[in-house]
Amino acid sequence: MSADGSTTTGDILIGADGIRSSVRGRLDPGAPGPSYTGQISLGGCAKPPDMASTGDARKSVT
């Protein structure tokens, strides 16, 4: 059930909702909360000059 009281159904649930995941809390209410692990993550994106265009493949969906 959502914060507004609505519900939905589906065949699969992907819980990619961040460190304070509401999905994790629903699946395992007794799970420990987030804690600092000392790990750092970096990311980046580079396009080699000879790489073909992917058109709108990475277009954001809102």
PDB file of N, CA and C in Angstrom:
ATOM      1  N   MET A   1       0.844  -1.166   0.000  1.00  0.00           N
ATOM      2  CA  MET A   1       0.000   0.000   0.000  1.00  0.00           C
ATOM      3  C   MET A   1       0.895   1.237   0.000  1.00  0.00           C
ATOM      4  N   SER A   2       0.561   2.218  -0.820  1.00  0.00           N
ATOM      5  CA  SER A   2       1.311   3.464  -0.897  1.00  0.00           C
ATOM      6  C   SER A   2       0.957   4.378   0.262  1.00  0.00           C
ATOM      7  N   ALA A   3       1.742   5.442   0.421  1.00  0.00           N
ATOM      8  CA  ALA A   3       1.481   6.418   1.481  1.00  0.00           C
ATOM      9  C   ALA A   3       0.085   7.007   1.361  1.00  0.00           C
ATOM     10  N   ASP A   4      -0.431   7.092   0.120  1.00  0.00           N
ATOM     11  CA  ASP A   4      -1.773   7.662  -0.070  1.00  0.00           C
ATOM     12  C   ASP A   4      -2.876   6.615   0.054  1.00  0.00           C
ATOM     13  N   GLY A   5      -2.502   5.371   0.400  1.00  0.00           N
ATOM     14  CA  GLY A   5      -3.488   4.317   0.593  1.00  0.00           C
ATOM     15  C   GLY A   5      -3.776   3.485  -0.641  1.00  0.00           C
ATOM     16  N   SER A   6      -3.200   3.857  -1.796  1.00  0.00           N
ATOM     17  CA  SER A   6      -3.454   3.100  -3.024  1.00  0.00           C
ATOM     18  C   SER A   6      -2.613   1.823  -3.047  1.00  0.00           C
ATOM     19  N   THR A   7      -3.063   0.834  -3.786  1.00  0.00           N
ATOM     20  CA  THR A   7      -2.334  -0.422  -3.946  1.00  0.00           C
ATOM     21  C   THR A   7      -2.247  -0.766  -5.423  1.00  0.00           C
ATOM     22  N   THR A   8      -1.338  -1.688  -5.741  1.00  0.00           N
ATOM     23  CA  THR A   8      -1.198  -2.173  -7.105  1.00  0.00           C
ATOM     24  C   THR A   8      -0.666  -3.595  -7.060  1.00  0.00           C
ATOM     25  N   THR A   9      -0.727  -4.305  -8.169  1.00  0.00           N
ATOM     26  CA  THR A   9      -0.206  -5.665  -8.243  1.00  0.00           C
ATOM     27  C   THR A   9       0.706  -5.784  -9.455  1.00  0.00           C
ATOM     28  N   GLY A  10       1.528  -6.823  -9.452  1.00  0.00           N
ATOM     29  CA  GLY A  10       2.425  -7.068 -10.574  1.00  0.00           C
ATOM     30  C   GLY A  10       3.112  -8.410 -10.409  1.00  0.00           C
ATOM     31  N   ASP A  11       3.866  -8.804 -11.424  1.00  0.00           N
ATOM     32  CA  ASP A  11       4.575 -10.083 -11.402  1.00  0.00           C
ATOM     33  C   ASP A  11       5.959  -9.974 -10.796  1.00  0.00           C
ATOM     34  N   ILE A  12       6.540  -8.766 -10.777  1.00  0.00           N
ATOM     35  CA  ILE A  12       7.897  -8.577 -10.274  1.00  0.00           C
ATOM     36  C   ILE A  12       7.995  -7.191  -9.648  1.00  0.00           C
ATOM     37  N   LEU A  13       8.843  -7.069  -8.656  1.00  0.00           N
ATOM     38  CA  LEU A  13       9.072  -5.791  -7.999  1.00  0.00           C
ATOM     39  C   LEU A  13      10.568  -5.515  -7.994  1.00  0.00           C
ATOM     40  N   ILE A  14      10.954  -4.389  -8.545  1.00  0.00           N
ATOM     41  CA  ILE A  14      12.351  -3.976  -8.531  1.00  0.00           C
ATOM     42  C   ILE A  14      12.458  -2.829  -7.538  1.00  0.00           C
ATOM     43  N   GLY A  15      13.176  -3.056  -6.460  1.00  0.00           N
ATOM     44  CA  GLY A  15      13.305  -2.056  -5.412  1.00  0.00           C
ATOM     45  C   GLY A  15      14.525  -1.188  -5.612  1.00  0.00           C
ATOM     46  N   ALA A  16      14.487  -0.302  -6.567  1.00  0.00           N
ATOM     47  CA  ALA A  16      15.607   0.601  -6.848  1.00  0.00           C
ATOM     48  C   ALA A  16      15.259   2.002  -6.361  1.00  0.00           C
ATOM     49  N   ASP A  17      14.816   2.079  -5.101  1.00  0.00           N
ATOM     50  CA  ASP A  17      14.340   3.361  -4.592  1.00  0.00           C
ATOM     51  C   ASP A  17      15.277   3.986  -3.562  1.00  0.00           C
ATOM     52  N   GLY A  18      16.536   3.601  -3.570  1.00  0.00           N
ATOM     53  CA  GLY A  18      17.545   4.298  -2.796  1.00  0.00           C
ATOM     54  C   GLY A  18      17.812   3.777  -1.399  1.00  0.00           C
ATOM     55  N   ILE A  19      18.681   4.499  -0.717  1.00  0.00           N
ATOM     56  CA  ILE A  19      19.172   4.062   0.589  1.00  0.00           C
ATOM     57  C   ILE A  19      18.070   3.964   1.632  1.00  0.00           C
ATOM     58  N   ARG A  20      17.082   4.795   1.558  1.00  0.00           N
ATOM     59  CA  ARG A  20      15.976   4.754   2.513  1.00  0.00           C
ATOM     60  C   ARG A  20      14.765   4.077   1.860  1.00  0.00           C
ATOM     61  N   SER A  21      15.019   2.936   1.269  1.00  0.00           N
ATOM     62  CA  SER A  21      14.052   2.196   0.473  1.00  0.00           C
ATOM     63  C   SER A  21      12.766   1.849   1.220  1.00  0.00           C
ATOM     64  N   SER A  22      11.639   2.283   0.681  1.00  0.00           N
ATOM     65  CA  SER A  22      10.355   1.866   1.256  1.00  0.00           C
ATOM     66  C   SER A  22      10.039   0.429   0.840  1.00  0.00           C
ATOM     67  N   VAL A  23      10.585  -0.007  -0.294  1.00  0.00           N
ATOM     68  CA  VAL A  23      10.380  -1.385  -0.755  1.00  0.00           C
ATOM     69  C   VAL A  23      11.043  -2.357   0.216  1.00  0.00           C
ATOM     70  N   ARG A  24      12.275  -2.071   0.606  1.00  0.00           N
ATOM     71  CA  ARG A  24      12.986  -2.949   1.545  1.00  0.00           C
ATOM     72  C   ARG A  24      12.191  -3.080   2.851  1.00  0.00           C
ATOM     73  N   GLY A  25      11.662  -1.973   3.337  1.00  0.00           N
ATOM     74  CA  GLY A  25      10.876  -1.998   4.568  1.00  0.00           C
ATOM     75  C   GLY A  25       9.615  -2.831   4.452  1.00  0.00           C
ATOM     76  N   ARG A  26       9.017  -2.852   3.274  1.00  0.00           N
ATOM     77  CA  ARG A  26       7.809  -3.660   3.068  1.00  0.00           C
ATOM     78  C   ARG A  26       8.145  -5.146   2.977  1.00  0.00           C
ATOM     79  N   LEU A  27       9.270  -5.470   2.322  1.00  0.00           N
ATOM     80  CA  LEU A  27       9.652  -6.875   2.163  1.00  0.00           C
ATOM     81  C   LEU A  27      10.163  -7.479   3.465  1.00  0.00           C
ATOM     82  N   ASP A  28      10.914  -6.685   4.240  1.00  0.00           N
ATOM     83  CA  ASP A  28      11.477  -7.190   5.493  1.00  0.00           C
ATOM     84  C   ASP A  28      11.485  -6.069   6.529  1.00  0.00           C
ATOM     85  N   PRO A  29      10.351  -5.888   7.234  1.00  0.00           N
ATOM     86  CA  PRO A  29      10.259  -4.807   8.209  1.00  0.00           C
ATOM     87  C   PRO A  29      11.323  -4.877   9.301  1.00  0.00           C
ATOM     88  N   GLY A  30      11.872  -6.049   9.558  1.00  0.00           N
ATOM     89  CA  GLY A  30      12.891  -6.207  10.593  1.00  0.00           C
ATOM     90  C   GLY A  30      14.309  -5.998  10.105  1.00  0.00           C
ATOM     91  N   ALA A  31      14.481  -5.697   8.821  1.00  0.00           N
ATOM     92  CA  ALA A  31      15.821  -5.518   8.256  1.00  0.00           C
ATOM     93  C   ALA A  31      16.492  -4.295   8.882  1.00  0.00           C
ATOM     94  N   PRO A  32      17.814  -4.352   9.068  1.00  0.00           N
ATOM     95  CA  PRO A  32      18.511  -3.197   9.629  1.00  0.00           C
ATOM     96  C   PRO A  32      18.447  -2.008   8.673  1.00  0.00           C
ATOM     97  N   GLY A  33      18.464  -0.822   9.240  1.00  0.00           N
ATOM     98  CA  GLY A  33      18.445   0.388   8.424  1.00  0.00           C
ATOM     99  C   GLY A  33      19.791   0.632   7.763  1.00  0.00           C
ATOM    100  N   PRO A  34      19.882   1.689   6.959  1.00  0.00           N
ATOM    101  CA  PRO A  34      21.136   1.998   6.280  1.00  0.00           C
ATOM    102  C   PRO A  34      22.214   2.402   7.282  1.00  0.00           C
ATOM    103  N   SER A  35      23.463   2.075   6.959  1.00  0.00           N
ATOM    104  CA  SER A  35      24.586   2.476   7.796  1.00  0.00           C
ATOM    105  C   SER A  35      25.792   2.759   6.911  1.00  0.00           C
ATOM    106  N   TYR A  36      26.662   3.610   7.378  1.00  0.00           N
ATOM    107  CA  TYR A  36      27.857   3.988   6.621  1.00  0.00           C
ATOM    108  C   TYR A  36      28.813   2.815   6.532  1.00  0.00           C
ATOM    109  N   THR A  37      29.257   2.483   5.319  1.00  0.00           N
ATOM    110  CA  THR A  37      30.161   1.354   5.119  1.00  0.00           C
ATOM    111  C   THR A  37      31.585   1.778   4.779  1.00  0.00           C
ATOM    112  N   GLY A  38      31.771   3.063   4.522  1.00  0.00           N
ATOM    113  CA  GLY A  38      33.096   3.537   4.165  1.00  0.00           C
ATOM    114  C   GLY A  38      33.395   3.398   2.679  1.00  0.00           C
ATOM    115  N   GLN A  39      32.455   2.882   1.911  1.00  0.00           N
ATOM    116  CA  GLN A  39      32.671   2.707   0.480  1.00  0.00           C
ATOM    117  C   GLN A  39      32.294   3.973  -0.270  1.00  0.00           C
ATOM    118  N   ILE A  40      32.991   4.202  -1.370  1.00  0.00           N
ATOM    119  CA  ILE A  40      32.721   5.343  -2.236  1.00  0.00           C
ATOM    120  C   ILE A  40      32.451   4.810  -3.637  1.00  0.00           C
ATOM    121  N   SER A  41      31.506   5.407  -4.318  1.00  0.00           N
ATOM    122  CA  SER A  41      31.160   4.986  -5.670  1.00  0.00           C
ATOM    123  C   SER A  41      31.353   6.154  -6.632  1.00  0.00           C
ATOM    124  N   LEU A  42      31.910   5.864  -7.770  1.00  0.00           N
ATOM    125  CA  LEU A  42      32.097   6.867  -8.818  1.00  0.00           C
ATOM    126  C   LEU A  42      31.495   6.343 -10.109  1.00  0.00           C
ATOM    127  N   GLY A  43      31.067   7.230 -10.957  1.00  0.00           N
ATOM    128  CA  GLY A  43      30.521   6.822 -12.246  1.00  0.00           C
ATOM    129  C   GLY A  43      30.908   7.816 -13.318  1.00  0.00           C
ATOM    130  N   GLY A  44      30.740   7.419 -14.535  1.00  0.00           N
ATOM    131  CA  GLY A  44      31.054   8.310 -15.639  1.00  0.00           C
ATOM    132  C   GLY A  44      30.528   7.754 -16.940  1.00  0.00           C
ATOM    133  N   CYS A  45      30.589   8.559 -17.965  1.00  0.00           N
ATOM    134  CA  CYS A  45      30.121   8.150 -19.271  1.00  0.00           C
ATOM    135  C   CYS A  45      31.034   8.770 -20.320  1.00  0.00           C
ATOM    136  N   ALA A  46      31.497   7.973 -21.237  1.00  0.00           N
ATOM    137  CA  ALA A  46      32.360   8.479 -22.304  1.00  0.00           C
ATOM    138  C   ALA A  46      31.924   7.854 -23.621  1.00  0.00           C
ATOM    139  N   LYS A  47      31.952   8.640 -24.673  1.00  0.00           N
ATOM    140  CA  LYS A  47      31.585   8.141 -25.995  1.00  0.00           C
ATOM    141  C   LYS A  47      32.820   8.206 -26.897  1.00  0.00           C
ATOM    142  N   PRO A  48      33.343   7.039 -27.277  1.00  0.00           N
ATOM    143  CA  PRO A  48      34.476   7.028 -28.198  1.00  0.00           C
ATOM    144  C   PRO A  48      34.078   7.693 -29.526  1.00  0.00           C
ATOM    145  N   PRO A  49      35.009   8.362 -30.192  1.00  0.00           N
ATOM    146  CA  PRO A  49      34.688   9.090 -31.422  1.00  0.00           C
ATOM    147  C   PRO A  49      34.086   8.217 -32.531  1.00  0.00           C
ATOM    148  N   ASP A  50      34.412   6.922 -32.562  1.00  0.00           N
ATOM    149  CA  ASP A  50      33.914   6.054 -33.638  1.00  0.00           C
ATOM    150  C   ASP A  50      32.663   5.268 -33.237  1.00  0.00           C
ATOM    151  N   MET A  51      32.054   5.596 -32.117  1.00  0.00           N
ATOM    152  CA  MET A  51      30.878   4.869 -31.652  1.00  0.00           C
ATOM    153  C   MET A  51      29.624   5.373 -32.373  1.00  0.00           C
ATOM    154  N   ALA A  52      28.817   4.440 -32.858  1.00  0.00           N
ATOM    155  CA  ALA A  52      27.602   4.804 -33.575  1.00  0.00           C
ATOM    156  C   ALA A  52      26.564   5.380 -32.606  1.00  0.00           C
ATOM    157  N   SER A  53      25.730   6.253 -33.098  1.00  0.00           N
ATOM    158  CA  SER A  53      24.664   6.851 -32.305  1.00  0.00           C
ATOM    159  C   SER A  53      23.640   5.796 -31.912  1.00  0.00           C
ATOM    160  N   THR A  54      23.087   5.933 -30.719  1.00  0.00           N
ATOM    161  CA  THR A  54      22.010   5.047 -30.280  1.00  0.00           C
ATOM    162  C   THR A  54      20.656   5.733 -30.374  1.00  0.00           C
ATOM    163  N   GLY A  55      20.619   6.881 -31.003  1.00  0.00           N
ATOM    164  CA  GLY A  55      19.363   7.600 -31.194  1.00  0.00           C
ATOM    165  C   GLY A  55      18.744   8.009 -29.865  1.00  0.00           C
ATOM    166  N   ASP A  56      17.486   7.659 -29.672  1.00  0.00           N
ATOM    167  CA  ASP A  56      16.775   8.013 -28.448  1.00  0.00           C
ATOM    168  C   ASP A  56      16.814   6.895 -27.396  1.00  0.00           C
ATOM    169  N   ALA A  57      17.731   5.945 -27.511  1.00  0.00           N
ATOM    170  CA  ALA A  57      17.756   4.797 -26.601  1.00  0.00           C
ATOM    171  C   ALA A  57      17.936   5.205 -25.149  1.00  0.00           C
ATOM    172  N   ARG A  58      18.589   6.322 -24.882  1.00  0.00           N
ATOM    173  CA  ARG A  58      18.803   6.756 -23.505  1.00  0.00           C
ATOM    174  C   ARG A  58      17.903   7.925 -23.131  1.00  0.00           C
ATOM    175  N   LYS A  59      16.866   8.115 -23.860  1.00  0.00           N
ATOM    176  CA  LYS A  59      15.953   9.222 -23.599  1.00  0.00           C
ATOM    177  C   LYS A  59      15.239   9.017 -22.269  1.00  0.00           C
ATOM    178  N   SER A  60      15.202  10.033 -21.444  1.00  0.00           N
ATOM    179  CA  SER A  60      14.531   9.949 -20.150  1.00  0.00           C
ATOM    180  C   SER A  60      13.035   9.813 -20.323  1.00  0.00           C
ATOM    181  N   VAL A  61      12.423   9.017 -19.468  1.00  0.00           N
ATOM    182  CA  VAL A  61      10.982   8.840 -19.479  1.00  0.00           C
ATOM    183  C   VAL A  61      10.441   9.398 -18.170  1.00  0.00           C
ATOM    184  N   THR A  62       9.506  10.302 -18.258  1.00  0.00           N
ATOM    185  CA  THR A  62       8.940  10.871 -17.027  1.00  0.00           C
ATOM    186  C   THR A  62       7.465  10.591 -16.950  1.00  0.00           C
TER     187      THR A  62
END
